[in-house]
Amino acid sequence: MRPREYQRAQPPAPSSAPASAGQLQDPSLLRRLLRARDRMDAASHEAWPVERLAAVSGVSEAHFARSFKRAFGIPPHRYLLTRRIEQANTLLRDTALSITEIAFATGWESLGTFGRTFRDITGRSPSAMRREAQANMLELDRVPACVLKAAQRPDLTSAVLEKRRRTAKGKFPPSTKEVS
C-alpha cells in the first residue's frame, strides 16, 4: 500500500463535539438495548446482572455496558435502581403494604440496604416518604399517574456512594484517586 492510499484509509480524527446516541450506534443495536431495558422494566424485582442483560441483547458484557450508558445516559445498574425506587414510591403511596414487603417486592434482598439506598437517593426514609405521600394524597389524586411518576423519578446521574460521600463532607476517603 502506498503512503497516500494509507492516509485516505485512516478514520477521521474525532471531533470535540459529542455525537448523539443515534450517530454512535446502529439501529439494530439500539433495538436490542431497548429489548433489554424493557425486560428490566417488566421484571425490575429480579436480579439483572450485566451478563444477563448482555445475553438478552446478544452482545458482550463490556459492549453492552458501554452502549447502554451511551444510549440512555446512565449505566444499567443505575437505571434498575431508578425503576426500583419509582416502584417503591408508588407502593408506599398507594398501598398499605409494610415497608419490608415493599422492599422485597421491588427486588431488594435486604431491608437495611433498601432503606439506606432509598434514603440516599430520595433524601427521606421510606416511612417518612409514606407519611408525606399520605398527607398530600388529596392534592395528588388530581395529578395524572404518568406526570406524578416523572416528577418523583430519582436523579441518579451520580453514583449513590458518591452522593453519600458528598453529604458526609469528607468523612469517607475516596475509593479511587483521580489523575488529571
N, C-alpha and C. Protein backbone atom coordinates (compact mmCIF):
# COMPACT_ATOMS: atom_id res chain seq x y z
N MET A 1 0.85 -1.17 0.00
CA MET A 1 0.00 0.00 0.00
C MET A 1 0.90 1.23 0.00
N ARG A 2 0.61 2.15 -0.86
CA ARG A 2 1.39 3.38 -0.93
C ARG A 2 0.99 4.32 0.21
N PRO A 3 1.89 5.21 0.63
CA PRO A 3 1.59 6.11 1.74
C PRO A 3 0.35 6.97 1.52
N ARG A 4 0.12 7.41 0.30
CA ARG A 4 -1.04 8.27 0.03
C ARG A 4 -2.35 7.50 0.26
N GLU A 5 -2.41 6.25 -0.21
CA GLU A 5 -3.62 5.45 0.00
C GLU A 5 -3.81 5.13 1.48
N TYR A 6 -2.71 4.93 2.18
CA TYR A 6 -2.80 4.65 3.61
C TYR A 6 -3.42 5.83 4.34
N GLN A 7 -3.06 7.03 3.96
CA GLN A 7 -3.61 8.20 4.61
C GLN A 7 -5.10 8.32 4.36
N ARG A 8 -5.57 7.98 3.18
CA ARG A 8 -7.00 8.06 2.90
C ARG A 8 -7.79 7.00 3.65
N ALA A 9 -7.16 5.88 3.96
CA ALA A 9 -7.86 4.79 4.63
C ALA A 9 -8.01 5.04 6.13
N GLN A 10 -7.29 6.03 6.67
CA GLN A 10 -7.38 6.32 8.10
C GLN A 10 -8.75 6.89 8.44
N PRO A 11 -9.30 6.53 9.60
CA PRO A 11 -10.58 7.12 10.01
C PRO A 11 -10.38 8.59 10.34
N PRO A 12 -11.44 9.38 10.21
CA PRO A 12 -11.30 10.80 10.52
C PRO A 12 -11.00 11.00 12.00
N ALA A 13 -10.30 12.08 12.30
CA ALA A 13 -9.97 12.39 13.69
C ALA A 13 -11.24 12.70 14.45
N PRO A 14 -11.33 12.25 15.72
CA PRO A 14 -12.54 12.51 16.48
C PRO A 14 -12.71 14.01 16.73
N SER A 15 -13.95 14.47 16.59
CA SER A 15 -14.21 15.89 16.84
C SER A 15 -14.43 16.11 18.33
N SER A 16 -14.31 17.34 18.75
CA SER A 16 -14.50 17.65 20.17
C SER A 16 -15.97 17.71 20.54
N ALA A 17 -16.87 17.86 19.56
CA ALA A 17 -18.31 17.93 19.85
C ALA A 17 -18.84 16.52 20.07
N PRO A 18 -19.60 16.28 21.14
CA PRO A 18 -20.15 14.95 21.38
C PRO A 18 -21.22 14.61 20.36
N ALA A 19 -21.21 13.39 19.90
CA ALA A 19 -22.22 12.94 18.95
C ALA A 19 -23.41 12.38 19.71
N SER A 20 -24.56 12.40 19.10
CA SER A 20 -25.75 11.87 19.76
C SER A 20 -25.72 10.35 19.72
N ALA A 21 -26.58 9.73 20.52
CA ALA A 21 -26.60 8.27 20.60
C ALA A 21 -26.93 7.65 19.26
N GLY A 22 -27.80 8.28 18.49
CA GLY A 22 -28.17 7.74 17.20
C GLY A 22 -27.01 7.71 16.23
N GLN A 23 -26.11 8.70 16.33
CA GLN A 23 -24.96 8.74 15.45
C GLN A 23 -23.93 7.70 15.86
N LEU A 24 -23.89 7.35 17.12
CA LEU A 24 -22.86 6.45 17.62
C LEU A 24 -23.25 4.98 17.51
N GLN A 25 -24.53 4.69 17.42
CA GLN A 25 -24.95 3.29 17.45
C GLN A 25 -25.90 3.00 16.30
N ASP A 26 -25.80 1.78 15.81
CA ASP A 26 -26.67 1.42 14.71
C ASP A 26 -28.06 1.07 15.24
N PRO A 27 -29.08 1.17 14.42
CA PRO A 27 -30.46 0.94 14.88
C PRO A 27 -30.71 -0.47 15.42
N SER A 28 -30.04 -1.47 14.87
CA SER A 28 -30.27 -2.83 15.38
C SER A 28 -29.75 -2.97 16.80
N LEU A 29 -28.61 -2.34 17.11
CA LEU A 29 -28.10 -2.39 18.48
C LEU A 29 -29.03 -1.64 19.42
N LEU A 30 -29.54 -0.49 18.99
CA LEU A 30 -30.48 0.26 19.83
C LEU A 30 -31.74 -0.55 20.11
N ARG A 31 -32.24 -1.28 19.13
CA ARG A 31 -33.41 -2.14 19.35
C ARG A 31 -33.11 -3.21 20.39
N ARG A 32 -31.90 -3.79 20.31
CA ARG A 32 -31.54 -4.82 21.28
C ARG A 32 -31.37 -4.24 22.68
N LEU A 33 -30.82 -3.01 22.77
CA LEU A 33 -30.71 -2.34 24.07
C LEU A 33 -32.09 -2.03 24.63
N LEU A 34 -33.00 -1.60 23.77
CA LEU A 34 -34.37 -1.34 24.22
C LEU A 34 -35.04 -2.63 24.70
N ARG A 35 -34.75 -3.73 24.04
CA ARG A 35 -35.30 -5.02 24.47
C ARG A 35 -34.83 -5.36 25.89
N ALA A 36 -33.54 -5.13 26.15
CA ALA A 36 -33.01 -5.39 27.49
C ALA A 36 -33.62 -4.43 28.50
N ARG A 37 -33.77 -3.17 28.13
CA ARG A 37 -34.38 -2.19 29.05
C ARG A 37 -35.84 -2.53 29.33
N ASP A 38 -36.55 -2.97 28.31
CA ASP A 38 -37.95 -3.38 28.50
C ASP A 38 -38.06 -4.59 29.43
N ARG A 39 -37.12 -5.52 29.30
CA ARG A 39 -37.12 -6.68 30.21
C ARG A 39 -36.88 -6.24 31.64
N MET A 40 -35.96 -5.27 31.84
CA MET A 40 -35.72 -4.75 33.20
C MET A 40 -36.98 -4.07 33.73
N ASP A 41 -37.66 -3.31 32.88
CA ASP A 41 -38.88 -2.63 33.30
C ASP A 41 -39.97 -3.63 33.69
N ALA A 42 -40.09 -4.69 32.91
CA ALA A 42 -41.15 -5.67 33.15
C ALA A 42 -40.90 -6.49 34.41
N ALA A 43 -39.64 -6.70 34.76
CA ALA A 43 -39.32 -7.52 35.93
C ALA A 43 -38.22 -6.86 36.74
N SER A 44 -38.46 -5.63 37.19
CA SER A 44 -37.42 -4.90 37.92
C SER A 44 -37.13 -5.52 39.29
N HIS A 45 -38.00 -6.39 39.75
CA HIS A 45 -37.78 -7.05 41.04
C HIS A 45 -36.76 -8.19 40.93
N GLU A 46 -36.44 -8.60 39.72
CA GLU A 46 -35.48 -9.68 39.52
C GLU A 46 -34.06 -9.14 39.48
N ALA A 47 -33.10 -10.03 39.67
CA ALA A 47 -31.69 -9.65 39.56
C ALA A 47 -31.35 -9.51 38.07
N TRP A 48 -30.72 -8.41 37.70
CA TRP A 48 -30.34 -8.16 36.31
C TRP A 48 -28.85 -7.83 36.22
N PRO A 49 -28.00 -8.84 36.41
CA PRO A 49 -26.57 -8.58 36.23
C PRO A 49 -26.27 -8.29 34.76
N VAL A 50 -25.16 -7.66 34.51
CA VAL A 50 -24.79 -7.27 33.15
C VAL A 50 -24.71 -8.50 32.25
N GLU A 51 -24.28 -9.63 32.80
CA GLU A 51 -24.19 -10.85 31.98
C GLU A 51 -25.55 -11.22 31.41
N ARG A 52 -26.59 -11.14 32.22
CA ARG A 52 -27.94 -11.50 31.79
C ARG A 52 -28.45 -10.49 30.75
N LEU A 53 -28.21 -9.21 30.99
CA LEU A 53 -28.66 -8.18 30.06
C LEU A 53 -27.93 -8.30 28.72
N ALA A 54 -26.64 -8.60 28.77
CA ALA A 54 -25.87 -8.77 27.55
C ALA A 54 -26.39 -9.97 26.75
N ALA A 55 -26.77 -11.03 27.45
CA ALA A 55 -27.32 -12.20 26.77
C ALA A 55 -28.64 -11.87 26.09
N VAL A 56 -29.48 -11.06 26.74
CA VAL A 56 -30.74 -10.63 26.14
C VAL A 56 -30.47 -9.81 24.88
N SER A 57 -29.43 -8.98 24.93
CA SER A 57 -29.11 -8.10 23.80
C SER A 57 -28.28 -8.79 22.73
N GLY A 58 -27.65 -9.89 23.08
CA GLY A 58 -26.83 -10.60 22.11
C GLY A 58 -25.49 -9.95 21.83
N VAL A 59 -24.94 -9.26 22.84
CA VAL A 59 -23.62 -8.63 22.70
C VAL A 59 -22.78 -8.99 23.91
N SER A 60 -21.50 -8.64 23.86
CA SER A 60 -20.64 -8.93 25.01
C SER A 60 -21.00 -8.02 26.18
N GLU A 61 -20.56 -8.41 27.36
CA GLU A 61 -20.89 -7.66 28.58
C GLU A 61 -20.32 -6.23 28.53
N ALA A 62 -19.07 -6.10 28.15
CA ALA A 62 -18.44 -4.78 28.11
C ALA A 62 -19.10 -3.90 27.06
N HIS A 63 -19.38 -4.48 25.90
CA HIS A 63 -20.03 -3.70 24.85
C HIS A 63 -21.44 -3.28 25.27
N PHE A 64 -22.15 -4.17 25.94
CA PHE A 64 -23.49 -3.82 26.41
C PHE A 64 -23.43 -2.67 27.40
N ALA A 65 -22.55 -2.75 28.39
CA ALA A 65 -22.47 -1.71 29.41
C ALA A 65 -22.13 -0.35 28.79
N ARG A 66 -21.15 -0.34 27.88
CA ARG A 66 -20.78 0.92 27.21
C ARG A 66 -21.92 1.46 26.36
N SER A 67 -22.53 0.59 25.59
CA SER A 67 -23.59 1.00 24.67
C SER A 67 -24.84 1.47 25.42
N PHE A 68 -25.18 0.80 26.52
CA PHE A 68 -26.35 1.18 27.31
C PHE A 68 -26.15 2.58 27.88
N LYS A 69 -24.99 2.83 28.43
CA LYS A 69 -24.72 4.15 29.01
C LYS A 69 -24.73 5.22 27.92
N ARG A 70 -24.18 4.92 26.79
CA ARG A 70 -24.15 5.88 25.69
C ARG A 70 -25.58 6.16 25.19
N ALA A 71 -26.41 5.14 25.11
CA ALA A 71 -27.75 5.30 24.57
C ALA A 71 -28.71 5.97 25.55
N PHE A 72 -28.63 5.63 26.84
CA PHE A 72 -29.62 6.09 27.81
C PHE A 72 -29.09 7.08 28.84
N GLY A 73 -27.78 7.33 28.82
CA GLY A 73 -27.21 8.34 29.69
C GLY A 73 -26.82 7.88 31.08
N ILE A 74 -27.22 6.68 31.48
CA ILE A 74 -26.84 6.13 32.78
C ILE A 74 -26.52 4.66 32.62
N PRO A 75 -25.69 4.11 33.50
CA PRO A 75 -25.36 2.68 33.41
C PRO A 75 -26.58 1.82 33.74
N PRO A 76 -26.58 0.56 33.31
CA PRO A 76 -27.72 -0.32 33.55
C PRO A 76 -28.10 -0.46 35.03
N HIS A 77 -27.11 -0.52 35.90
CA HIS A 77 -27.40 -0.69 37.33
C HIS A 77 -28.16 0.51 37.87
N ARG A 78 -27.76 1.72 37.49
CA ARG A 78 -28.47 2.92 37.96
C ARG A 78 -29.87 2.99 37.37
N TYR A 79 -30.03 2.54 36.13
CA TYR A 79 -31.36 2.51 35.54
C TYR A 79 -32.27 1.59 36.35
N LEU A 80 -31.75 0.43 36.71
CA LEU A 80 -32.54 -0.51 37.51
C LEU A 80 -32.86 0.06 38.88
N LEU A 81 -31.90 0.74 39.51
CA LEU A 81 -32.16 1.39 40.79
C LEU A 81 -33.28 2.43 40.66
N THR A 82 -33.24 3.20 39.58
CA THR A 82 -34.28 4.21 39.35
C THR A 82 -35.65 3.55 39.29
N ARG A 83 -35.76 2.49 38.55
CA ARG A 83 -37.05 1.81 38.42
C ARG A 83 -37.52 1.23 39.76
N ARG A 84 -36.60 0.64 40.50
CA ARG A 84 -36.98 0.07 41.80
C ARG A 84 -37.44 1.14 42.78
N ILE A 85 -36.77 2.28 42.80
CA ILE A 85 -37.16 3.36 43.69
C ILE A 85 -38.50 3.95 43.25
N GLU A 86 -38.72 4.11 41.95
CA GLU A 86 -40.02 4.58 41.45
C GLU A 86 -41.14 3.65 41.88
N GLN A 87 -40.91 2.36 41.71
CA GLN A 87 -41.92 1.38 42.09
C GLN A 87 -42.17 1.40 43.59
N ALA A 88 -41.11 1.53 44.38
CA ALA A 88 -41.26 1.60 45.83
C ALA A 88 -42.05 2.85 46.23
N ASN A 89 -41.79 3.99 45.58
CA ASN A 89 -42.55 5.20 45.84
C ASN A 89 -44.03 4.99 45.58
N THR A 90 -44.34 4.34 44.47
CA THR A 90 -45.74 4.08 44.13
C THR A 90 -46.39 3.18 45.17
N LEU A 91 -45.69 2.12 45.57
CA LEU A 91 -46.26 1.20 46.57
C LEU A 91 -46.41 1.88 47.93
N LEU A 92 -45.46 2.71 48.30
CA LEU A 92 -45.56 3.43 49.57
C LEU A 92 -46.76 4.38 49.55
N ARG A 93 -47.00 5.00 48.42
CA ARG A 93 -48.08 5.97 48.30
C ARG A 93 -49.45 5.31 48.18
N ASP A 94 -49.53 4.21 47.42
CA ASP A 94 -50.84 3.67 47.03
C ASP A 94 -51.27 2.41 47.75
N THR A 95 -50.41 1.80 48.54
CA THR A 95 -50.79 0.54 49.20
C THR A 95 -50.57 0.64 50.70
N ALA A 96 -51.08 -0.35 51.39
CA ALA A 96 -50.87 -0.44 52.84
C ALA A 96 -49.84 -1.53 53.17
N LEU A 97 -49.07 -1.96 52.17
CA LEU A 97 -48.05 -2.98 52.42
C LEU A 97 -47.02 -2.44 53.40
N SER A 98 -46.44 -3.33 54.18
CA SER A 98 -45.38 -2.91 55.09
C SER A 98 -44.13 -2.56 54.28
N ILE A 99 -43.24 -1.81 54.90
CA ILE A 99 -42.02 -1.40 54.21
C ILE A 99 -41.16 -2.62 53.88
N THR A 100 -41.18 -3.61 54.74
CA THR A 100 -40.45 -4.85 54.47
C THR A 100 -41.00 -5.54 53.23
N GLU A 101 -42.33 -5.64 53.13
CA GLU A 101 -42.95 -6.26 51.96
C GLU A 101 -42.63 -5.48 50.69
N ILE A 102 -42.63 -4.17 50.78
CA ILE A 102 -42.30 -3.34 49.62
C ILE A 102 -40.85 -3.55 49.21
N ALA A 103 -39.96 -3.63 50.19
CA ALA A 103 -38.54 -3.84 49.88
C ALA A 103 -38.35 -5.14 49.10
N PHE A 104 -38.95 -6.21 49.56
CA PHE A 104 -38.77 -7.49 48.89
C PHE A 104 -39.53 -7.55 47.57
N ALA A 105 -40.68 -6.87 47.48
CA ALA A 105 -41.46 -6.85 46.24
C ALA A 105 -40.76 -6.08 45.13
N THR A 106 -39.93 -5.12 45.51
CA THR A 106 -39.23 -4.33 44.49
C THR A 106 -37.83 -4.85 44.20
N GLY A 107 -37.47 -5.99 44.74
CA GLY A 107 -36.23 -6.65 44.34
C GLY A 107 -35.06 -6.49 45.27
N TRP A 108 -35.24 -5.92 46.43
CA TRP A 108 -34.13 -5.77 47.38
C TRP A 108 -34.00 -7.05 48.19
N GLU A 109 -32.79 -7.44 48.47
CA GLU A 109 -32.55 -8.66 49.24
C GLU A 109 -32.44 -8.38 50.73
N SER A 110 -32.33 -7.10 51.10
CA SER A 110 -32.16 -6.74 52.50
C SER A 110 -32.94 -5.47 52.79
N LEU A 111 -33.64 -5.46 53.90
CA LEU A 111 -34.39 -4.28 54.30
C LEU A 111 -33.45 -3.12 54.59
N GLY A 112 -32.32 -3.40 55.20
CA GLY A 112 -31.35 -2.36 55.51
C GLY A 112 -30.78 -1.71 54.27
N THR A 113 -30.46 -2.51 53.26
CA THR A 113 -29.95 -1.96 52.01
C THR A 113 -31.02 -1.12 51.32
N PHE A 114 -32.25 -1.61 51.33
CA PHE A 114 -33.34 -0.84 50.74
C PHE A 114 -33.50 0.51 51.43
N GLY A 115 -33.56 0.50 52.75
CA GLY A 115 -33.75 1.74 53.49
C GLY A 115 -32.62 2.74 53.28
N ARG A 116 -31.39 2.24 53.33
CA ARG A 116 -30.23 3.12 53.16
C ARG A 116 -30.18 3.70 51.75
N THR A 117 -30.39 2.86 50.74
CA THR A 117 -30.35 3.32 49.36
C THR A 117 -31.50 4.27 49.07
N PHE A 118 -32.69 3.94 49.58
CA PHE A 118 -33.85 4.80 49.38
C PHE A 118 -33.59 6.18 49.98
N ARG A 119 -33.04 6.22 51.18
CA ARG A 119 -32.75 7.49 51.85
C ARG A 119 -31.65 8.26 51.11
N ASP A 120 -30.63 7.56 50.64
CA ASP A 120 -29.55 8.21 49.89
C ASP A 120 -30.06 8.85 48.61
N ILE A 121 -31.00 8.19 47.95
CA ILE A 121 -31.48 8.68 46.66
C ILE A 121 -32.55 9.75 46.81
N THR A 122 -33.52 9.51 47.68
CA THR A 122 -34.66 10.44 47.79
C THR A 122 -34.47 11.50 48.86
N GLY A 123 -33.58 11.25 49.80
CA GLY A 123 -33.39 12.21 50.89
C GLY A 123 -34.31 11.98 52.07
N ARG A 124 -35.19 10.99 51.98
CA ARG A 124 -36.12 10.66 53.06
C ARG A 124 -36.14 9.15 53.27
N SER A 125 -36.49 8.75 54.47
CA SER A 125 -36.65 7.32 54.72
C SER A 125 -37.97 6.86 54.09
N PRO A 126 -38.12 5.56 53.85
CA PRO A 126 -39.38 5.08 53.28
C PRO A 126 -40.60 5.45 54.14
N SER A 127 -40.48 5.37 55.46
CA SER A 127 -41.64 5.71 56.30
C SER A 127 -41.97 7.20 56.22
N ALA A 128 -40.94 8.06 56.14
CA ALA A 128 -41.19 9.50 56.00
C ALA A 128 -41.82 9.79 54.65
N MET A 129 -41.39 9.10 53.62
CA MET A 129 -41.97 9.28 52.29
C MET A 129 -43.44 8.87 52.30
N ARG A 130 -43.75 7.77 52.98
CA ARG A 130 -45.14 7.31 53.06
C ARG A 130 -46.00 8.34 53.79
N ARG A 131 -45.52 8.85 54.93
CA ARG A 131 -46.29 9.85 55.68
C ARG A 131 -46.54 11.09 54.84
N GLU A 132 -45.51 11.54 54.14
CA GLU A 132 -45.65 12.73 53.29
C GLU A 132 -46.64 12.48 52.15
N ALA A 133 -46.56 11.31 51.52
CA ALA A 133 -47.46 10.99 50.41
C ALA A 133 -48.90 10.89 50.89
N GLN A 134 -49.12 10.31 52.06
CA GLN A 134 -50.48 10.20 52.58
C GLN A 134 -51.03 11.56 52.98
N ALA A 135 -50.18 12.46 53.47
CA ALA A 135 -50.63 13.80 53.83
C ALA A 135 -51.01 14.60 52.58
N ASN A 136 -50.35 14.34 51.45
CA ASN A 136 -50.63 15.07 50.22
C ASN A 136 -51.55 14.30 49.28
N MET A 137 -52.20 13.25 49.76
CA MET A 137 -52.99 12.37 48.90
C MET A 137 -54.10 13.12 48.17
N LEU A 138 -54.81 14.02 48.83
CA LEU A 138 -55.90 14.72 48.17
C LEU A 138 -55.39 15.58 47.02
N GLU A 139 -54.24 16.19 47.17
CA GLU A 139 -53.68 17.01 46.11
C GLU A 139 -53.19 16.14 44.95
N LEU A 140 -52.64 14.98 45.25
CA LEU A 140 -52.06 14.12 44.23
C LEU A 140 -53.10 13.32 43.46
N ASP A 141 -54.32 13.21 43.97
CA ASP A 141 -55.36 12.46 43.26
C ASP A 141 -55.71 13.09 41.92
N ARG A 142 -55.52 14.39 41.80
CA ARG A 142 -55.88 15.08 40.55
C ARG A 142 -54.74 15.07 39.53
N VAL A 143 -53.56 14.63 39.92
CA VAL A 143 -52.40 14.61 39.02
C VAL A 143 -52.36 13.26 38.30
N PRO A 144 -52.23 13.28 36.95
CA PRO A 144 -52.12 12.00 36.23
C PRO A 144 -50.93 11.19 36.73
N ALA A 145 -51.09 9.88 36.73
CA ALA A 145 -50.06 8.98 37.26
C ALA A 145 -48.74 9.14 36.52
N CYS A 146 -48.79 9.33 35.20
CA CYS A 146 -47.54 9.44 34.43
C CYS A 146 -46.78 10.71 34.81
N VAL A 147 -47.49 11.80 35.09
CA VAL A 147 -46.85 13.05 35.49
C VAL A 147 -46.27 12.90 36.88
N LEU A 148 -47.02 12.27 37.77
CA LEU A 148 -46.55 12.06 39.13
C LEU A 148 -45.30 11.19 39.16
N LYS A 149 -45.30 10.14 38.35
CA LYS A 149 -44.15 9.25 38.30
C LYS A 149 -42.91 9.98 37.78
N ALA A 150 -43.10 10.80 36.76
CA ALA A 150 -41.96 11.55 36.20
C ALA A 150 -41.44 12.57 37.21
N ALA A 151 -42.34 13.19 37.95
CA ALA A 151 -41.92 14.20 38.93
C ALA A 151 -41.18 13.57 40.10
N GLN A 152 -41.52 12.35 40.44
CA GLN A 152 -40.89 11.68 41.58
C GLN A 152 -39.72 10.80 41.17
N ARG A 153 -39.35 10.81 39.88
CA ARG A 153 -38.24 9.98 39.41
C ARG A 153 -36.93 10.45 40.05
N PRO A 154 -36.21 9.53 40.65
CA PRO A 154 -34.95 9.92 41.31
C PRO A 154 -33.89 10.30 40.29
N ASP A 155 -33.03 11.21 40.67
CA ASP A 155 -31.93 11.65 39.82
C ASP A 155 -30.70 10.82 40.16
N LEU A 156 -30.37 9.92 39.27
CA LEU A 156 -29.22 9.05 39.51
C LEU A 156 -28.12 9.30 38.50
N THR A 157 -27.81 10.58 38.27
CA THR A 157 -26.71 10.89 37.36
C THR A 157 -25.37 10.66 38.02
N SER A 158 -25.34 10.60 39.34
CA SER A 158 -24.10 10.25 40.04
C SER A 158 -24.37 9.01 40.88
N ALA A 159 -23.32 8.30 41.20
CA ALA A 159 -23.45 7.06 41.95
C ALA A 159 -23.96 7.34 43.36
N VAL A 160 -24.67 6.39 43.93
CA VAL A 160 -25.22 6.54 45.27
C VAL A 160 -24.10 6.73 46.28
N LEU A 161 -23.01 5.99 46.15
CA LEU A 161 -21.89 6.13 47.07
C LEU A 161 -21.29 7.53 46.98
N GLU A 162 -21.25 8.08 45.77
CA GLU A 162 -20.73 9.44 45.60
C GLU A 162 -21.62 10.45 46.30
N LYS A 163 -22.94 10.27 46.23
CA LYS A 163 -23.86 11.16 46.95
C LYS A 163 -23.62 11.06 48.44
N ARG A 164 -23.40 9.85 48.92
CA ARG A 164 -23.16 9.64 50.34
C ARG A 164 -21.88 10.35 50.77
N ARG A 165 -20.85 10.30 49.92
CA ARG A 165 -19.59 10.98 50.24
C ARG A 165 -19.78 12.48 50.32
N ARG A 166 -20.55 13.03 49.38
CA ARG A 166 -20.76 14.47 49.37
C ARG A 166 -21.49 14.94 50.61
N THR A 167 -22.48 14.17 51.07
CA THR A 167 -23.23 14.58 52.25
C THR A 167 -22.41 14.37 53.51
N ALA A 168 -21.47 13.44 53.50
CA ALA A 168 -20.63 13.21 54.68
C ALA A 168 -19.53 14.25 54.80
N LYS A 169 -19.31 15.03 53.75
CA LYS A 169 -18.31 16.11 53.74
C LYS A 169 -16.94 15.64 54.20
N GLY A 170 -16.43 14.65 53.51
CA GLY A 170 -15.06 14.24 53.77
C GLY A 170 -14.90 13.17 54.84
N LYS A 171 -15.98 12.61 55.35
CA LYS A 171 -15.85 11.55 56.35
C LYS A 171 -15.33 10.26 55.73
N PHE A 172 -15.62 10.06 54.44
CA PHE A 172 -15.17 8.86 53.74
C PHE A 172 -14.02 9.23 52.83
N PRO A 173 -12.90 8.52 52.90
CA PRO A 173 -11.83 8.78 51.94
C PRO A 173 -12.26 8.28 50.56
N PRO A 174 -11.88 8.96 49.48
CA PRO A 174 -12.26 8.48 48.15
C PRO A 174 -11.71 7.10 47.88
N SER A 175 -12.50 6.26 47.20
CA SER A 175 -12.07 4.88 46.94
C SER A 175 -11.08 4.82 45.79
N THR A 176 -11.05 5.83 44.95
CA THR A 176 -10.09 5.87 43.86
C THR A 176 -9.43 7.24 43.84
N LYS A 177 -8.25 7.30 43.29
CA LYS A 177 -7.54 8.55 43.20
C LYS A 177 -7.68 9.07 41.78
N GLU A 178 -8.16 10.30 41.63
CA GLU A 178 -8.33 10.88 40.32
C GLU A 178 -7.00 11.44 39.84
N VAL A 179 -6.72 11.22 38.58
CA VAL A 179 -5.50 11.71 37.97
C VAL A 179 -5.91 12.72 36.92
N SER A 180 -5.31 13.91 36.98
CA SER A 180 -5.68 14.91 35.98
C SER A 180 -4.68 14.99 34.87
